[in-house]
């Protein structure tokens, strides 16, 4: 049983992105700390100048509200939204918070993933803890 679980969620997918929650219910010890994390990719500097000043704050607030809505039924869930590269930020958070398990959803890889790699693949290769990949 795990005591400190991190679940990164991509909010661009429909509500079925909560598949990892079912796994967590089986893996979490009573009173486990469960953190849901969404990473907003950085805006390229070339595009940032064309966006309203409040754009990043608005996106952060909207994603936090959506993440909170999606995990409302999970007892003791904490939510957070951060900016940056998804793979790097997930790994940083796992290390900083002393996470003992990351539960991450993955799609079936396509040709693009064979060359560029996916977030889940990067997390699996570099995580400081156990990783469960849910399809």
N, C-alpha and C. Protein backbone atom coordinates (compact mmCIF):
# COMPACT_ATOMS: atom_id res chain seq x y z
N UNK A 1 0.84 -1.18 0.00
CA UNK A 1 0.00 0.00 0.00
C UNK A 1 0.89 1.25 0.00
N UNK A 2 0.40 2.26 -0.72
CA UNK A 2 1.17 3.50 -0.86
C UNK A 2 0.56 4.61 0.00
N UNK A 3 1.44 5.49 0.50
CA UNK A 3 1.02 6.54 1.42
C UNK A 3 1.00 7.93 0.79
N UNK A 4 1.73 8.12 -0.30
CA UNK A 4 1.84 9.44 -0.93
C UNK A 4 1.82 9.24 -2.44
N UNK A 5 0.67 9.47 -3.05
CA UNK A 5 0.46 9.14 -4.46
C UNK A 5 0.25 10.42 -5.28
N UNK A 6 0.91 10.48 -6.42
CA UNK A 6 0.77 11.60 -7.34
C UNK A 6 0.08 11.10 -8.60
N UNK A 7 -0.98 11.81 -9.01
CA UNK A 7 -1.72 11.45 -10.21
C UNK A 7 -1.73 12.65 -11.15
N UNK A 8 -0.87 12.63 -12.17
CA UNK A 8 -0.91 13.69 -13.17
C UNK A 8 -2.08 13.45 -14.12
N UNK A 9 -2.85 14.50 -14.39
CA UNK A 9 -3.99 14.38 -15.30
C UNK A 9 -3.88 15.41 -16.42
N UNK A 10 -4.16 14.96 -17.63
CA UNK A 10 -4.23 15.85 -18.78
C UNK A 10 -5.69 16.24 -18.97
N UNK A 11 -6.00 17.49 -18.79
CA UNK A 11 -7.40 17.93 -18.84
C UNK A 11 -7.92 18.08 -20.26
N UNK A 12 -7.07 17.90 -21.26
CA UNK A 12 -7.53 17.99 -22.65
C UNK A 12 -8.34 16.77 -23.04
N UNK A 13 -8.27 15.72 -22.23
CA UNK A 13 -9.01 14.50 -22.51
C UNK A 13 -10.34 14.53 -21.78
N UNK A 14 -11.31 13.72 -22.20
CA UNK A 14 -12.61 13.70 -21.53
C UNK A 14 -12.50 13.14 -20.11
N UNK A 15 -13.62 13.12 -19.40
CA UNK A 15 -13.62 12.68 -18.02
C UNK A 15 -13.12 11.25 -17.81
N UNK A 16 -12.98 10.45 -18.88
CA UNK A 16 -12.44 9.11 -18.70
C UNK A 16 -10.96 9.14 -18.34
N UNK A 17 -10.37 10.34 -18.30
CA UNK A 17 -8.98 10.46 -17.87
C UNK A 17 -8.84 10.13 -16.39
N UNK A 18 -9.94 9.88 -15.71
CA UNK A 18 -9.89 9.53 -14.28
C UNK A 18 -9.68 8.04 -14.06
N UNK A 19 -9.34 7.28 -15.10
CA UNK A 19 -9.06 5.86 -14.93
C UNK A 19 -8.04 5.60 -13.84
N UNK A 20 -7.02 6.44 -13.67
CA UNK A 20 -6.07 6.19 -12.59
C UNK A 20 -6.69 6.18 -11.20
N UNK A 21 -7.82 6.87 -11.02
CA UNK A 21 -8.46 6.93 -9.70
C UNK A 21 -8.89 5.54 -9.23
N UNK A 22 -9.39 4.73 -10.14
CA UNK A 22 -9.80 3.37 -9.77
C UNK A 22 -8.60 2.58 -9.25
N UNK A 23 -7.46 2.73 -9.89
CA UNK A 23 -6.25 2.04 -9.44
C UNK A 23 -5.81 2.55 -8.07
N UNK A 24 -5.91 3.86 -7.88
CA UNK A 24 -5.48 4.44 -6.61
C UNK A 24 -6.33 3.93 -5.46
N UNK A 25 -7.60 3.76 -5.70
CA UNK A 25 -8.48 3.24 -4.64
C UNK A 25 -8.03 1.87 -4.15
N UNK A 26 -7.38 1.11 -5.01
CA UNK A 26 -6.89 -0.22 -4.64
C UNK A 26 -5.49 -0.16 -4.04
N UNK A 27 -4.72 0.84 -4.40
CA UNK A 27 -3.32 0.92 -3.99
C UNK A 27 -3.06 1.78 -2.75
N UNK A 28 -3.96 2.70 -2.46
CA UNK A 28 -3.73 3.67 -1.38
C UNK A 28 -3.99 3.06 -0.02
N UNK A 29 -3.10 3.34 0.89
CA UNK A 29 -3.32 2.93 2.27
C UNK A 29 -4.33 3.89 2.90
N UNK A 30 -4.97 3.50 3.99
CA UNK A 30 -5.92 4.41 4.64
C UNK A 30 -5.23 5.72 5.03
N UNK A 31 -5.87 6.83 4.72
CA UNK A 31 -5.31 8.14 5.03
C UNK A 31 -4.19 8.59 4.10
N UNK A 32 -4.05 7.93 2.97
CA UNK A 32 -2.98 8.28 2.03
C UNK A 32 -3.16 9.70 1.51
N UNK A 33 -2.04 10.32 1.20
CA UNK A 33 -2.04 11.65 0.58
C UNK A 33 -2.12 11.42 -0.93
N UNK A 34 -3.16 11.97 -1.55
CA UNK A 34 -3.37 11.80 -2.99
C UNK A 34 -3.39 13.18 -3.63
N UNK A 35 -2.43 13.44 -4.50
CA UNK A 35 -2.31 14.74 -5.15
C UNK A 35 -2.55 14.59 -6.64
N UNK A 36 -3.50 15.35 -7.17
CA UNK A 36 -3.76 15.41 -8.59
C UNK A 36 -3.06 16.64 -9.14
N UNK A 37 -2.33 16.45 -10.22
CA UNK A 37 -1.53 17.52 -10.79
C UNK A 37 -1.82 17.68 -12.27
N UNK A 38 -2.02 18.91 -12.69
CA UNK A 38 -2.14 19.22 -14.12
C UNK A 38 -1.03 20.18 -14.47
N UNK A 39 -0.36 19.91 -15.59
CA UNK A 39 0.73 20.78 -16.03
C UNK A 39 0.29 21.52 -17.30
N UNK A 40 0.33 22.83 -17.23
CA UNK A 40 0.05 23.69 -18.38
C UNK A 40 1.38 23.92 -19.08
N UNK A 41 1.45 23.50 -20.33
CA UNK A 41 2.70 23.68 -21.08
C UNK A 41 3.04 25.16 -21.22
N UNK A 42 4.33 25.47 -21.18
CA UNK A 42 4.79 26.85 -21.35
C UNK A 42 4.36 27.41 -22.70
N UNK A 43 4.06 28.69 -22.70
CA UNK A 43 3.71 29.39 -23.94
C UNK A 43 5.02 29.86 -24.57
N UNK A 44 5.24 29.55 -25.84
CA UNK A 44 6.47 30.02 -26.49
C UNK A 44 6.57 31.54 -26.42
N UNK A 45 7.75 32.06 -26.19
CA UNK A 45 7.92 33.52 -26.08
C UNK A 45 7.40 34.28 -27.30
N UNK A 46 7.50 33.66 -28.48
CA UNK A 46 7.03 34.33 -29.70
C UNK A 46 5.52 34.56 -29.65
N UNK A 47 4.78 33.69 -28.97
CA UNK A 47 3.32 33.81 -28.91
C UNK A 47 2.86 34.59 -27.68
N UNK A 48 3.65 34.58 -26.62
CA UNK A 48 3.24 35.20 -25.36
C UNK A 48 2.92 36.68 -25.51
N UNK A 49 3.64 37.38 -26.36
CA UNK A 49 3.42 38.81 -26.55
C UNK A 49 2.08 39.15 -27.17
N UNK A 50 1.44 38.18 -27.81
CA UNK A 50 0.15 38.41 -28.46
C UNK A 50 -1.03 38.08 -27.57
N UNK A 51 -0.76 37.59 -26.38
CA UNK A 51 -1.84 37.18 -25.47
C UNK A 51 -2.11 38.28 -24.44
N UNK A 52 -3.35 38.36 -23.94
CA UNK A 52 -3.66 39.33 -22.90
C UNK A 52 -2.81 39.09 -21.65
N UNK A 53 -2.56 40.12 -20.90
CA UNK A 53 -1.70 40.03 -19.72
C UNK A 53 -2.20 39.00 -18.70
N UNK A 54 -3.50 38.87 -18.59
CA UNK A 54 -4.08 37.96 -17.60
C UNK A 54 -4.25 36.53 -18.12
N UNK A 55 -3.81 36.24 -19.31
CA UNK A 55 -4.06 34.93 -19.94
C UNK A 55 -3.57 33.77 -19.08
N UNK A 56 -2.34 33.81 -18.63
CA UNK A 56 -1.78 32.71 -17.85
C UNK A 56 -2.54 32.53 -16.54
N UNK A 57 -2.85 33.62 -15.87
CA UNK A 57 -3.61 33.54 -14.61
C UNK A 57 -5.00 32.98 -14.85
N UNK A 58 -5.64 33.38 -15.94
CA UNK A 58 -6.97 32.87 -16.27
C UNK A 58 -6.94 31.37 -16.57
N UNK A 59 -5.95 30.94 -17.35
CA UNK A 59 -5.82 29.51 -17.66
C UNK A 59 -5.57 28.71 -16.40
N UNK A 60 -4.69 29.21 -15.55
CA UNK A 60 -4.39 28.53 -14.28
C UNK A 60 -5.66 28.37 -13.45
N UNK A 61 -6.43 29.43 -13.32
CA UNK A 61 -7.65 29.40 -12.52
C UNK A 61 -8.69 28.43 -13.12
N UNK A 62 -8.85 28.48 -14.45
CA UNK A 62 -9.81 27.59 -15.13
C UNK A 62 -9.42 26.12 -14.99
N UNK A 63 -8.15 25.83 -15.16
CA UNK A 63 -7.69 24.43 -15.06
C UNK A 63 -7.80 23.92 -13.63
N UNK A 64 -7.54 24.79 -12.66
CA UNK A 64 -7.68 24.39 -11.26
C UNK A 64 -9.13 24.06 -10.94
N UNK A 65 -10.06 24.86 -11.44
CA UNK A 65 -11.48 24.62 -11.22
C UNK A 65 -11.92 23.32 -11.89
N UNK A 66 -11.46 23.07 -13.13
CA UNK A 66 -11.80 21.84 -13.84
C UNK A 66 -11.22 20.62 -13.15
N UNK A 67 -9.99 20.70 -12.71
CA UNK A 67 -9.36 19.59 -12.00
C UNK A 67 -10.10 19.30 -10.70
N UNK A 68 -10.46 20.33 -9.97
CA UNK A 68 -11.22 20.16 -8.73
C UNK A 68 -12.57 19.50 -8.98
N UNK A 69 -13.23 19.90 -10.08
CA UNK A 69 -14.51 19.30 -10.43
C UNK A 69 -14.36 17.81 -10.73
N UNK A 70 -13.33 17.46 -11.48
CA UNK A 70 -13.16 16.06 -11.88
C UNK A 70 -12.84 15.13 -10.72
N UNK A 71 -12.17 15.63 -9.68
CA UNK A 71 -11.77 14.76 -8.58
C UNK A 71 -12.59 15.00 -7.31
N UNK A 72 -13.72 15.67 -7.46
CA UNK A 72 -14.54 16.03 -6.30
C UNK A 72 -14.93 14.82 -5.44
N UNK A 73 -15.09 13.65 -6.03
CA UNK A 73 -15.51 12.47 -5.28
C UNK A 73 -14.39 11.70 -4.61
N UNK A 74 -13.16 12.15 -4.76
CA UNK A 74 -12.02 11.43 -4.20
C UNK A 74 -11.71 11.99 -2.81
N UNK A 75 -11.85 11.14 -1.83
CA UNK A 75 -11.66 11.56 -0.44
C UNK A 75 -10.21 11.98 -0.19
N UNK A 76 -10.03 13.16 0.37
CA UNK A 76 -8.71 13.66 0.74
C UNK A 76 -7.86 14.13 -0.42
N UNK A 77 -8.45 14.27 -1.59
CA UNK A 77 -7.67 14.67 -2.77
C UNK A 77 -7.24 16.13 -2.68
N UNK A 78 -6.01 16.36 -3.09
CA UNK A 78 -5.49 17.72 -3.22
C UNK A 78 -5.21 17.94 -4.71
N UNK A 79 -5.40 19.17 -5.16
CA UNK A 79 -5.19 19.48 -6.56
C UNK A 79 -4.20 20.62 -6.71
N UNK A 80 -3.46 20.59 -7.83
CA UNK A 80 -2.52 21.66 -8.12
C UNK A 80 -2.34 21.76 -9.63
N UNK A 81 -2.11 22.98 -10.08
CA UNK A 81 -1.83 23.25 -11.48
C UNK A 81 -0.51 24.02 -11.52
N UNK A 82 0.41 23.54 -12.35
CA UNK A 82 1.71 24.20 -12.50
C UNK A 82 1.99 24.40 -13.98
N UNK A 83 2.97 25.25 -14.28
CA UNK A 83 3.36 25.50 -15.66
C UNK A 83 4.71 24.88 -15.93
N UNK A 84 4.93 24.49 -17.19
CA UNK A 84 6.23 23.95 -17.59
C UNK A 84 6.09 22.73 -18.47
N UNK A 85 7.19 22.02 -18.62
CA UNK A 85 7.20 20.77 -19.37
C UNK A 85 6.59 19.68 -18.49
N UNK A 86 5.59 18.97 -19.01
CA UNK A 86 4.84 18.01 -18.20
C UNK A 86 5.74 16.96 -17.56
N UNK A 87 6.56 16.30 -18.35
CA UNK A 87 7.41 15.25 -17.80
C UNK A 87 8.33 15.76 -16.71
N UNK A 88 8.98 16.87 -16.97
CA UNK A 88 9.91 17.44 -16.00
C UNK A 88 9.20 17.86 -14.71
N UNK A 89 8.06 18.52 -14.86
CA UNK A 89 7.34 19.00 -13.66
C UNK A 89 6.80 17.86 -12.81
N UNK A 90 6.34 16.79 -13.44
CA UNK A 90 5.85 15.63 -12.70
C UNK A 90 6.99 15.01 -11.90
N UNK A 91 8.13 14.84 -12.54
CA UNK A 91 9.29 14.25 -11.86
C UNK A 91 9.79 15.13 -10.73
N UNK A 92 9.82 16.45 -10.96
CA UNK A 92 10.23 17.38 -9.90
C UNK A 92 9.29 17.29 -8.71
N UNK A 93 7.99 17.25 -8.97
CA UNK A 93 7.00 17.20 -7.90
C UNK A 93 7.13 15.91 -7.10
N UNK A 94 7.32 14.79 -7.80
CA UNK A 94 7.47 13.50 -7.12
C UNK A 94 8.67 13.52 -6.19
N UNK A 95 9.77 14.08 -6.65
CA UNK A 95 10.98 14.16 -5.83
C UNK A 95 10.78 15.09 -4.63
N UNK A 96 10.24 16.28 -4.89
CA UNK A 96 10.07 17.28 -3.84
C UNK A 96 9.10 16.84 -2.75
N UNK A 97 8.03 16.13 -3.15
CA UNK A 97 7.00 15.73 -2.19
C UNK A 97 7.24 14.35 -1.58
N UNK A 98 8.30 13.68 -1.97
CA UNK A 98 8.57 12.35 -1.43
C UNK A 98 7.50 11.34 -1.81
N UNK A 99 7.01 11.43 -3.02
CA UNK A 99 5.96 10.55 -3.51
C UNK A 99 6.48 9.12 -3.58
N UNK A 100 5.65 8.16 -3.16
CA UNK A 100 6.08 6.76 -3.25
C UNK A 100 5.43 6.02 -4.42
N UNK A 101 4.49 6.65 -5.13
CA UNK A 101 3.90 6.04 -6.31
C UNK A 101 3.29 7.13 -7.20
N UNK A 102 3.55 7.02 -8.49
CA UNK A 102 2.91 7.89 -9.48
C UNK A 102 1.98 7.01 -10.29
N UNK A 103 0.73 7.43 -10.43
CA UNK A 103 -0.23 6.70 -11.26
C UNK A 103 -0.57 7.61 -12.42
N UNK A 104 -0.19 7.18 -13.63
CA UNK A 104 -0.33 8.03 -14.80
C UNK A 104 -1.03 7.28 -15.92
N UNK A 105 -1.92 7.97 -16.60
CA UNK A 105 -2.62 7.38 -17.74
C UNK A 105 -1.73 7.50 -18.97
N UNK A 106 -1.91 6.57 -19.90
CA UNK A 106 -1.16 6.61 -21.15
C UNK A 106 -2.06 6.19 -22.29
N UNK A 107 -1.80 6.77 -23.43
CA UNK A 107 -2.51 6.38 -24.64
C UNK A 107 -1.66 5.35 -25.38
N UNK A 108 -2.23 4.71 -26.34
CA UNK A 108 -1.45 3.78 -27.16
C UNK A 108 -0.50 4.62 -28.02
N UNK A 109 0.77 4.25 -28.04
CA UNK A 109 1.73 5.07 -28.77
C UNK A 109 1.51 5.05 -30.27
N UNK A 110 1.73 6.20 -30.88
CA UNK A 110 1.68 6.32 -32.33
C UNK A 110 3.08 6.54 -32.85
N UNK A 111 3.20 6.74 -34.12
CA UNK A 111 4.51 6.93 -34.73
C UNK A 111 5.23 8.13 -34.12
N UNK A 112 4.51 9.20 -33.84
CA UNK A 112 5.11 10.40 -33.26
C UNK A 112 5.79 10.09 -31.93
N UNK A 113 5.17 9.22 -31.12
CA UNK A 113 5.73 8.89 -29.81
C UNK A 113 7.03 8.10 -29.91
N UNK A 114 7.20 7.33 -30.98
CA UNK A 114 8.43 6.56 -31.12
C UNK A 114 9.62 7.48 -31.30
N UNK A 115 9.42 8.64 -31.90
CA UNK A 115 10.52 9.56 -32.13
C UNK A 115 10.67 10.59 -31.02
N UNK A 116 9.56 11.09 -30.51
CA UNK A 116 9.62 12.17 -29.53
C UNK A 116 9.47 11.69 -28.09
N UNK A 117 8.84 10.54 -27.88
CA UNK A 117 8.59 10.05 -26.53
C UNK A 117 7.36 10.69 -25.93
N UNK A 118 6.72 10.01 -25.02
CA UNK A 118 5.53 10.54 -24.37
C UNK A 118 5.85 10.93 -22.94
N UNK A 119 4.96 11.67 -22.34
CA UNK A 119 5.14 12.06 -20.95
C UNK A 119 5.21 10.84 -20.05
N UNK A 120 4.31 9.89 -20.25
CA UNK A 120 4.31 8.68 -19.42
C UNK A 120 5.63 7.93 -19.55
N UNK A 121 6.15 7.82 -20.75
CA UNK A 121 7.41 7.10 -20.96
C UNK A 121 8.55 7.80 -20.22
N UNK A 122 8.58 9.11 -20.27
CA UNK A 122 9.64 9.85 -19.57
C UNK A 122 9.53 9.65 -18.05
N UNK A 123 8.30 9.70 -17.55
CA UNK A 123 8.09 9.51 -16.12
C UNK A 123 8.54 8.11 -15.70
N UNK A 124 8.17 7.10 -16.47
CA UNK A 124 8.56 5.73 -16.15
C UNK A 124 10.08 5.59 -16.10
N UNK A 125 10.76 6.17 -17.07
CA UNK A 125 12.23 6.03 -17.14
C UNK A 125 12.97 6.77 -16.03
N UNK A 126 12.42 7.88 -15.54
CA UNK A 126 13.20 8.73 -14.63
C UNK A 126 12.61 8.92 -13.24
N UNK A 127 11.50 8.32 -12.94
CA UNK A 127 10.84 8.54 -11.64
C UNK A 127 11.68 8.01 -10.48
N UNK A 128 11.62 8.73 -9.35
CA UNK A 128 12.35 8.27 -8.17
C UNK A 128 11.53 7.27 -7.34
N UNK A 129 10.42 6.80 -7.87
CA UNK A 129 9.52 5.93 -7.13
C UNK A 129 8.83 4.96 -8.08
N UNK A 130 7.93 4.16 -7.54
CA UNK A 130 7.14 3.26 -8.38
C UNK A 130 6.21 4.06 -9.28
N UNK A 131 5.95 3.51 -10.48
CA UNK A 131 5.04 4.15 -11.43
C UNK A 131 4.09 3.09 -11.95
N UNK A 132 2.80 3.41 -11.90
CA UNK A 132 1.79 2.54 -12.48
C UNK A 132 1.22 3.28 -13.68
N UNK A 133 1.30 2.65 -14.86
CA UNK A 133 0.76 3.23 -16.07
C UNK A 133 -0.57 2.56 -16.35
N UNK A 134 -1.61 3.37 -16.48
CA UNK A 134 -2.96 2.87 -16.70
C UNK A 134 -3.37 3.20 -18.13
N UNK A 135 -3.92 2.20 -18.82
CA UNK A 135 -4.43 2.43 -20.19
C UNK A 135 -5.90 2.27 -20.20
